[in-house]
Amino acid sequence: LSLHDALPISYLDILKGMGELVEINDEVDWYLELGAIFRHTAETLAPGAIFNNVKGCPKGFRAADFGMGKSGRPGQPWARLAIMLGLPPDTGLMQIQHAYLEAIATGTTHPPRMVDPASAPCKQNKWLGDDIDITKFPSVVGHDGDGGRYINMAGLNIVRTPNGKWTNWSTNRGEVIDANHMTGLWMSFQHNGMIWRMWQKEGKDMPWALALGVGPALATQAGSRVPDWVDEYDIASALLDAPIEMVECETSDLLVPADSEIVIEGMVSHDEVEHEGPFGEFPGYMGDSRIPQPRQTITAVTFRNDPILPVSLPGTPTDNCHVSQGFFNACDATAAFQAADLPVIDSNLLFESALCWLVVRVREDWHSSTGWTIDQLMNKDRKSTRLNSSHITI
């Protein structure tokens, strides 16, 4: 499994060539209309959309389905996920999981290949100082009841611990406040929130970058649950078994993927807050509150020519939010079970359950080969089978 060999052209181009992504050139309003089209395509298993003309946005500023959602293609329901990982479109879901885990296990971690900023695609355009205006991007009010426009629906938040020993990639929703401010979820049980609290404890604002529209191997790590103090970069480079091209930010020394569509840089305040939400949630209901979250001040924005903002608007299963989160969470759970020498073949967070049910498949001979009762299997060494900070246990 080599994404470098399997994906010589962009993921979106492959989707278009397969008929899994269609271009909409008519003007579409970022207020509810774009979201309604997205939800319709997800809930009817229709091809995703790339929106080439979003109301009020500069010419060439586009938005597109994040991909990975379930397909309506006969016999190929997981085609979008399979081709993202360099596999044939008719590959089954559990076959994809096995191939993904094998690739990570057999691949080698590679240090970054640093790219000259002058040639990095994500540096083709730069906004600094008074030029910064993130309201120009096609961020959306995607659900009736959302508290504001959301720009981060499928991006990588990149932060590093104060001691510099752990760089974390994570995904969460991010709400636009104004031209150079935003906020998002920095929860204490998630890695990005854990690291922010380290900076808060020191009374310092935290350098942060948001990479939107990253390559397939990197996007896999948006929904992963790797252990504390393990860099998602390392997992992605092992999946590729190759270095990843990275470039330094404009206003900090954080590294971002050089081929990102859009990079937003800034500082996450240790003491100033904005109120975030509500937002349509992945189980299919609307949140009902606005909660205080750290204020993010933007210090630079860089982006490709004709940038594409990835869209993932959760709702009634199954959509690309459930697949991108649930599939890779289940992969990590399977790896943890197997590392604990449990007789587990694989596991799956059922998308149809809005990721509330984890189904674990065990070998048929598990009883005779282990000598355990069902109670012993369910309670075997519970502490060591916990996937560190993943909240997935037997």
Protein backbone atom coordinates (compact mmCIF):
# COMPACT_ATOMS: atom_id res chain seq x y z
CA LEU A 1 0.00 0.00 0.00
CA SER A 2 1.79 3.14 -1.21
CA LEU A 3 -0.18 6.32 -1.55
CA HIS A 4 2.70 7.93 -3.42
CA ASP A 5 2.43 5.28 -6.12
CA ALA A 6 -1.34 4.95 -6.04
CA LEU A 7 -2.33 8.62 -6.16
CA PRO A 8 -0.31 10.40 -8.86
CA ILE A 9 -3.13 12.91 -9.28
CA SER A 10 -5.24 14.58 -6.66
CA TYR A 11 -7.86 12.73 -4.67
CA LEU A 12 -10.58 15.11 -5.86
CA ASP A 13 -9.60 14.57 -9.49
CA ILE A 14 -9.91 10.82 -9.01
CA LEU A 15 -13.35 11.26 -7.44
CA LYS A 16 -14.46 13.42 -10.37
CA GLY A 17 -13.16 10.87 -12.86
CA MET A 18 -15.19 8.16 -11.14
CA GLY A 19 -18.35 10.24 -11.06
CA GLU A 20 -18.16 10.45 -7.25
CA LEU A 21 -17.80 14.24 -7.29
CA VAL A 22 -19.68 16.71 -9.47
CA GLU A 23 -18.90 20.39 -10.05
CA ILE A 24 -21.57 23.01 -9.40
CA ASN A 25 -20.87 26.24 -11.28
CA ASP A 26 -24.13 28.04 -10.40
CA GLU A 27 -23.88 30.46 -7.50
CA VAL A 28 -24.57 28.76 -4.17
CA ASP A 29 -25.19 30.62 -0.91
CA TRP A 30 -22.95 29.72 2.04
CA TYR A 31 -25.94 30.35 4.29
CA LEU A 32 -27.83 27.03 4.49
CA GLU A 33 -27.99 26.36 0.73
CA LEU A 34 -24.52 24.81 0.46
CA GLY A 35 -25.19 22.80 3.60
CA ALA A 36 -28.56 21.58 2.30
CA ILE A 37 -26.94 20.29 -0.88
CA PHE A 38 -24.21 18.59 1.13
CA ARG A 39 -26.70 16.91 3.46
CA HIS A 40 -28.87 15.79 0.52
CA THR A 41 -25.93 14.15 -1.25
CA ALA A 42 -24.84 12.41 1.95
CA GLU A 43 -28.27 11.11 2.90
CA THR A 44 -29.13 9.87 -0.61
CA LEU A 45 -25.64 8.42 -1.32
CA ALA A 46 -25.39 10.74 -4.32
CA PRO A 47 -22.06 12.03 -5.65
CA GLY A 48 -20.45 14.73 -3.55
CA ALA A 49 -20.14 18.29 -4.79
CA ILE A 50 -17.46 20.84 -5.46
CA PHE A 51 -18.85 24.38 -5.28
CA ASN A 52 -17.06 26.67 -7.73
CA ASN A 53 -19.11 29.81 -7.16
CA VAL A 54 -19.98 30.63 -3.56
CA LYS A 55 -21.95 33.81 -2.91
CA GLY A 56 -19.86 36.71 -1.61
CA CYS A 57 -16.54 34.91 -1.94
CA PRO A 58 -13.74 36.01 -4.31
CA LYS A 59 -13.61 34.30 -7.69
CA GLY A 60 -11.81 30.97 -7.44
CA PHE A 61 -12.47 30.45 -3.72
CA ARG A 62 -14.16 27.05 -3.71
CA ALA A 63 -15.55 24.44 -1.33
CA ALA A 64 -15.76 20.67 -1.79
CA ASP A 65 -17.01 17.53 -0.10
CA PHE A 66 -14.24 16.15 2.14
CA GLY A 67 -14.74 12.71 0.55
CA MET A 68 -14.70 9.37 2.38
CA GLY A 69 -18.50 9.27 2.67
CA LYS A 70 -20.52 6.23 1.66
CA SER A 71 -21.09 5.78 -2.06
CA GLY A 72 -24.20 4.73 -3.93
CA ARG A 73 -22.14 2.83 -6.51
CA PRO A 74 -23.49 -0.75 -6.81
CA GLY A 75 -21.07 -3.14 -5.14
CA GLN A 76 -18.68 -0.34 -4.18
CA PRO A 77 -20.11 1.40 -1.09
CA TRP A 78 -16.67 2.29 0.28
CA ALA A 79 -15.09 3.38 -3.01
CA ARG A 80 -14.26 6.88 -1.77
CA LEU A 81 -12.41 5.57 1.28
CA ALA A 82 -10.70 2.77 -0.65
CA ILE A 83 -9.23 4.98 -3.35
CA MET A 84 -8.11 7.46 -0.73
CA LEU A 85 -5.86 4.68 0.58
CA GLY A 86 -4.72 3.52 -2.85
CA LEU A 87 -6.99 0.45 -2.98
CA PRO A 88 -9.44 -0.74 -5.66
CA PRO A 89 -12.88 0.87 -5.35
CA ASP A 90 -14.64 -2.44 -4.69
CA THR A 91 -12.52 -3.20 -1.60
CA GLY A 92 -14.66 -4.14 1.42
CA LEU A 93 -14.62 -2.08 4.61
CA MET A 94 -12.80 -4.64 6.74
CA GLN A 95 -10.35 -5.34 3.93
CA ILE A 96 -9.56 -1.63 3.91
CA GLN A 97 -8.97 -1.73 7.66
CA HIS A 98 -6.61 -4.71 7.39
CA ALA A 99 -4.62 -3.04 4.60
CA TYR A 100 -4.39 0.24 6.53
CA LEU A 101 -3.14 -1.47 9.70
CA GLU A 102 -0.65 -3.57 7.74
CA ALA A 103 0.71 -0.49 5.98
CA ILE A 104 1.24 1.34 9.27
CA ALA A 105 2.83 -1.71 10.89
CA THR A 106 5.25 -2.40 8.04
CA GLY A 107 6.07 1.19 7.10
CA THR A 108 8.97 3.19 8.49
CA THR A 109 8.79 6.65 10.01
CA HIS A 110 10.61 9.22 7.88
CA PRO A 111 11.72 12.74 8.84
CA PRO A 112 10.07 15.60 6.94
CA ARG A 113 11.32 16.70 3.56
CA MET A 114 11.55 20.46 3.96
CA VAL A 115 10.28 22.50 1.03
CA ASP A 116 11.53 25.92 0.00
CA PRO A 117 8.68 28.33 0.85
CA ALA A 118 9.07 29.89 -2.59
CA SER A 119 7.95 26.63 -4.20
CA ALA A 120 5.44 25.38 -1.62
CA PRO A 121 1.91 25.26 -3.13
CA CYS A 122 0.36 26.51 0.12
CA LYS A 123 2.46 29.69 -0.11
CA GLN A 124 1.22 30.85 -3.52
CA ASN A 125 -0.77 33.60 -1.82
CA LYS A 126 -0.15 35.31 1.53
CA TRP A 127 -2.21 37.53 3.78
CA LEU A 128 -0.46 39.34 6.61
CA GLY A 129 -1.52 42.22 8.86
CA ASP A 130 -4.50 44.18 7.57
CA ASP A 131 -4.84 41.88 4.53
CA ILE A 132 -6.07 39.01 6.70
CA ASP A 133 -9.78 38.30 6.21
CA ILE A 134 -10.93 34.73 6.72
CA THR A 135 -14.54 35.74 6.02
CA LYS A 136 -13.62 35.65 2.32
CA PHE A 137 -13.36 31.86 2.39
CA PRO A 138 -16.57 29.85 1.74
CA SER A 139 -17.13 28.92 5.36
CA VAL A 140 -20.74 28.01 5.96
CA VAL A 141 -23.76 28.17 8.17
CA GLY A 142 -24.50 24.58 7.31
CA HIS A 143 -27.38 23.64 9.63
CA ASP A 144 -30.46 25.62 10.56
CA GLY A 145 -29.52 26.69 14.08
CA ASP A 146 -25.73 26.82 13.80
CA GLY A 147 -24.33 29.66 15.87
CA GLY A 148 -22.13 31.05 13.11
CA ARG A 149 -20.06 30.34 10.01
CA TYR A 150 -17.73 27.35 10.28
CA ILE A 151 -14.43 27.31 8.43
CA ASN A 152 -12.80 24.29 10.05
CA MET A 153 -14.87 21.21 9.34
CA ALA A 154 -12.13 18.87 8.11
CA GLY A 155 -8.77 20.48 8.78
CA LEU A 156 -5.73 19.66 10.91
CA ASN A 157 -5.07 21.75 13.99
CA ILE A 158 -1.30 21.67 14.54
CA VAL A 159 0.06 22.48 18.00
CA ARG A 160 3.15 21.61 20.02
CA THR A 161 3.79 21.23 23.75
CA PRO A 162 5.71 24.02 25.49
CA ASN A 163 8.72 21.71 25.86
CA GLY A 164 8.67 20.97 22.12
CA LYS A 165 8.55 17.19 22.58
CA TRP A 166 5.10 16.49 21.11
CA THR A 167 3.49 17.94 17.99
CA ASN A 168 -0.15 17.00 17.66
CA TRP A 169 -2.50 17.00 14.68
CA SER A 170 -6.19 16.96 15.50
CA THR A 171 -9.49 17.93 13.96
CA ASN A 172 -12.43 19.75 15.44
CA ARG A 173 -14.90 22.35 14.34
CA GLY A 174 -13.78 25.96 14.03
CA GLU A 175 -16.10 28.98 14.02
CA VAL A 176 -15.38 32.33 12.36
CA ILE A 177 -15.64 35.31 14.74
CA ASP A 178 -14.46 38.09 12.43
CA ALA A 179 -11.79 38.79 9.81
CA ASN A 180 -8.87 37.75 12.01
CA HIS A 181 -10.38 35.81 14.89
CA MET A 182 -11.98 32.40 15.30
CA THR A 183 -12.60 29.82 17.98
CA GLY A 184 -13.16 26.08 18.22
CA LEU A 185 -13.32 23.13 20.57
CA TRP A 186 -10.29 22.72 22.85
CA MET A 187 -11.66 20.03 25.15
CA SER A 188 -9.64 18.67 28.08
CA PHE A 189 -10.08 15.04 26.98
CA GLN A 190 -8.71 15.70 23.48
CA HIS A 191 -5.05 16.07 22.66
CA ASN A 192 -5.31 19.63 21.37
CA GLY A 193 -7.06 20.65 24.58
CA MET A 194 -4.49 18.84 26.71
CA ILE A 195 -1.66 20.74 25.03
CA TRP A 196 -3.48 24.08 25.23
CA ARG A 197 -3.86 23.58 28.97
CA MET A 198 -0.09 23.07 29.27
CA TRP A 199 0.38 26.52 27.74
CA GLN A 200 -2.41 27.97 29.87
CA LYS A 201 -0.72 26.65 33.00
CA GLU A 202 2.40 28.59 32.01
CA GLY A 203 0.33 31.72 31.38
CA LYS A 204 1.30 31.81 27.70
CA ASP A 205 -0.63 31.96 24.43
CA MET A 206 -0.10 28.90 22.23
CA PRO A 207 1.23 28.99 18.64
CA TRP A 208 -1.18 27.16 16.36
CA ALA A 209 -1.71 26.40 12.69
CA LEU A 210 -4.71 25.06 10.80
CA ALA A 211 -4.04 23.13 7.59
CA LEU A 212 -7.13 22.80 5.40
CA GLY A 213 -7.25 20.54 2.35
CA VAL A 214 -4.34 18.21 3.10
CA GLY A 215 -3.32 15.07 1.23
CA PRO A 216 -5.01 11.68 1.75
CA ALA A 217 -2.43 10.11 4.07
CA LEU A 218 -2.47 13.15 6.31
CA ALA A 219 -6.26 13.34 6.30
CA THR A 220 -6.38 9.81 7.76
CA GLN A 221 -4.83 11.18 10.93
CA ALA A 222 -7.57 13.76 11.44
CA GLY A 223 -9.79 10.99 12.75
CA SER A 224 -7.20 8.78 14.43
CA ARG A 225 -6.70 8.19 18.13
CA VAL A 226 -2.96 7.76 18.47
CA PRO A 227 -1.53 7.64 22.01
CA ASP A 228 -0.36 10.63 24.00
CA TRP A 229 3.10 11.93 23.04
CA VAL A 230 3.01 10.21 19.63
CA ASP A 231 3.12 12.53 16.61
CA GLU A 232 0.50 11.96 13.92
CA TYR A 233 3.18 12.96 11.42
CA ASP A 234 5.04 9.75 12.29
CA ILE A 235 1.96 7.59 11.67
CA ALA A 236 1.26 9.32 8.34
CA SER A 237 4.86 8.93 7.16
CA ALA A 238 4.77 5.25 8.11
CA LEU A 239 1.56 4.85 6.12
CA LEU A 240 3.27 6.42 3.12
CA ASP A 241 6.61 4.79 3.97
CA ALA A 242 8.09 8.04 2.71
CA PRO A 243 8.94 11.55 3.90
CA ILE A 244 6.16 14.13 3.87
CA GLU A 245 6.85 17.50 2.33
CA MET A 246 6.52 20.18 5.00
CA VAL A 247 7.15 23.90 5.17
CA GLU A 248 7.57 26.33 8.08
CA CYS A 249 4.81 28.76 8.97
CA GLU A 250 5.14 32.48 8.32
CA THR A 251 4.75 33.62 11.93
CA SER A 252 5.91 30.62 13.98
CA ASP A 253 8.25 27.66 13.58
CA LEU A 254 5.42 25.11 13.34
CA LEU A 255 5.57 22.90 10.25
CA VAL A 256 2.58 22.46 7.94
CA PRO A 257 2.01 20.21 4.90
CA ALA A 258 3.45 22.03 1.90
CA ASP A 259 0.62 20.96 -0.41
CA SER A 260 -2.22 22.20 1.84
CA GLU A 261 -4.96 24.17 0.15
CA ILE A 262 -5.19 26.76 2.95
CA VAL A 263 -3.07 27.41 6.05
CA ILE A 264 -4.29 29.67 8.87
CA GLU A 265 -1.71 30.61 11.52
CA GLY A 266 -2.06 32.32 14.83
CA MET A 267 -2.10 32.21 18.60
CA VAL A 268 -4.61 30.53 20.92
CA SER A 269 -5.19 32.76 23.93
CA HIS A 270 -4.56 31.38 27.39
CA ASP A 271 -7.10 33.73 28.99
CA GLU A 272 -9.43 35.29 26.40
CA VAL A 273 -12.52 33.44 25.21
CA GLU A 274 -15.23 33.57 22.57
CA HIS A 275 -18.55 31.76 22.71
CA GLU A 276 -18.71 28.83 20.31
CA GLY A 277 -21.71 26.94 18.93
CA PRO A 278 -24.25 25.56 18.73
CA PHE A 279 -23.51 23.28 15.79
CA GLY A 280 -25.30 20.34 14.16
CA GLU A 281 -23.89 17.25 15.81
CA PHE A 282 -22.77 13.91 14.33
CA PRO A 283 -25.59 11.84 15.94
CA GLY A 284 -28.03 13.93 13.87
CA TYR A 285 -29.28 16.50 16.37
CA MET A 286 -28.69 20.24 16.89
CA GLY A 287 -26.68 21.36 19.89
CA ASP A 288 -28.45 23.81 22.16
CA SER A 289 -25.78 25.96 23.76
CA ARG A 290 -22.91 28.35 23.19
CA ILE A 291 -19.89 27.58 25.32
CA PRO A 292 -16.77 29.63 26.09
CA GLN A 293 -13.72 28.47 24.16
CA PRO A 294 -10.26 30.02 23.65
CA ARG A 295 -9.98 33.02 21.34
CA GLN A 296 -7.76 32.33 18.33
CA THR A 297 -6.05 35.39 16.84
CA ILE A 298 -4.89 34.94 13.25
CA THR A 299 -1.44 36.25 12.34
CA ALA A 300 -1.10 34.94 8.77
CA VAL A 301 -3.05 33.13 6.07
CA THR A 302 -1.45 31.40 3.08
CA PHE A 303 -3.24 29.49 0.33
CA ARG A 304 -3.03 27.96 -3.11
CA ASN A 305 -4.35 29.62 -6.21
CA ASP A 306 -8.10 28.82 -6.46
CA PRO A 307 -8.13 27.28 -2.96
CA ILE A 308 -10.60 24.56 -1.98
CA LEU A 309 -12.10 24.47 1.51
CA PRO A 310 -13.04 20.91 2.58
CA VAL A 311 -16.61 20.50 3.86
CA SER A 312 -17.81 18.00 6.44
CA LEU A 313 -21.22 18.82 7.90
CA PRO A 314 -22.31 16.08 10.31
CA GLY A 315 -25.89 14.96 10.66
CA THR A 316 -28.00 11.85 10.19
CA PRO A 317 -25.64 8.92 9.40
CA THR A 318 -23.92 8.08 7.15
CA ASP A 319 -21.76 10.99 5.98
CA ASN A 320 -18.06 11.69 5.61
CA CYS A 321 -17.85 12.79 9.24
CA HIS A 322 -18.90 9.35 10.48
CA VAL A 323 -16.60 7.52 8.08
CA SER A 324 -13.53 9.71 8.60
CA GLN A 325 -13.85 9.57 12.39
CA GLY A 326 -15.31 6.10 12.89
CA PHE A 327 -13.17 4.13 10.47
CA PHE A 328 -9.84 5.32 11.80
CA ASN A 329 -10.99 5.17 15.43
CA ALA A 330 -11.96 1.54 14.84
CA CYS A 331 -8.59 0.85 13.23
CA ASP A 332 -6.86 2.17 16.34
CA ALA A 333 -9.12 0.08 18.58
CA THR A 334 -8.31 -3.05 16.58
CA ALA A 335 -4.59 -2.34 16.87
CA ALA A 336 -4.92 -1.91 20.65
CA PHE A 337 -6.86 -5.16 21.07
CA GLN A 338 -4.34 -7.10 19.02
CA ALA A 339 -1.39 -5.52 20.83
CA ALA A 340 -2.94 -6.83 24.06
CA ASP A 341 -2.90 -10.38 22.58
CA LEU A 342 -6.67 -10.62 22.50
CA PRO A 343 -8.15 -12.97 19.86
CA VAL A 344 -9.59 -10.05 17.86
CA ILE A 345 -9.81 -10.11 14.07
CA ASP A 346 -11.05 -6.54 13.64
CA SER A 347 -13.57 -4.06 14.97
CA ASN A 348 -15.94 -1.47 13.55
CA LEU A 349 -17.60 1.62 14.93
CA LEU A 350 -20.94 1.31 13.18
CA PHE A 351 -21.59 4.42 11.14
CA GLU A 352 -25.34 3.80 11.26
CA SER A 353 -25.18 4.07 15.08
CA ALA A 354 -23.54 7.51 14.83
CA LEU A 355 -20.37 5.86 16.18
CA CYS A 356 -22.06 4.74 19.40
CA TRP A 357 -21.66 0.98 18.85
CA LEU A 358 -18.28 -0.72 18.58
CA VAL A 359 -18.61 -4.21 17.13
CA VAL A 360 -15.64 -6.50 17.80
CA ARG A 361 -15.07 -9.67 15.75
CA VAL A 362 -13.11 -12.49 17.43
CA ARG A 363 -11.67 -15.72 16.11
CA GLU A 364 -14.04 -18.70 16.05
CA ASP A 365 -11.60 -20.75 18.13
CA TRP A 366 -11.05 -18.08 20.77
CA HIS A 367 -12.54 -20.20 23.57
CA SER A 368 -10.51 -23.34 22.90
CA SER A 369 -7.29 -21.46 22.06
CA THR A 370 -7.39 -19.25 25.17
CA GLY A 371 -9.32 -21.35 27.68
CA TRP A 372 -11.23 -18.22 28.73
CA THR A 373 -14.90 -17.93 29.53
CA ILE A 374 -16.90 -15.13 27.91
CA ASP A 375 -16.65 -13.19 31.17
CA GLN A 376 -12.88 -13.61 31.23
CA LEU A 377 -12.63 -12.46 27.62
CA MET A 378 -14.70 -9.34 28.30
CA ASN A 379 -12.67 -8.43 31.38
CA LYS A 380 -9.22 -9.70 30.43
CA ASP A 381 -6.53 -7.23 31.48
CA ARG A 382 -8.81 -4.23 31.03
CA LYS A 383 -6.12 -1.69 31.93
CA SER A 384 -3.61 -2.79 29.30
CA THR A 385 -6.19 -2.95 26.52
CA ARG A 386 -7.15 0.69 26.86
CA LEU A 387 -6.01 2.69 23.84
CA ASN A 388 -4.17 5.53 25.52
CA SER A 389 -6.47 8.58 25.74
CA SER A 390 -8.84 7.13 23.14
CA HIS A 391 -11.71 6.34 25.54
CA ILE A 392 -12.14 3.02 23.73
CA THR A 393 -11.93 0.05 26.10
CA ILE A 394 -13.20 -3.47 26.07
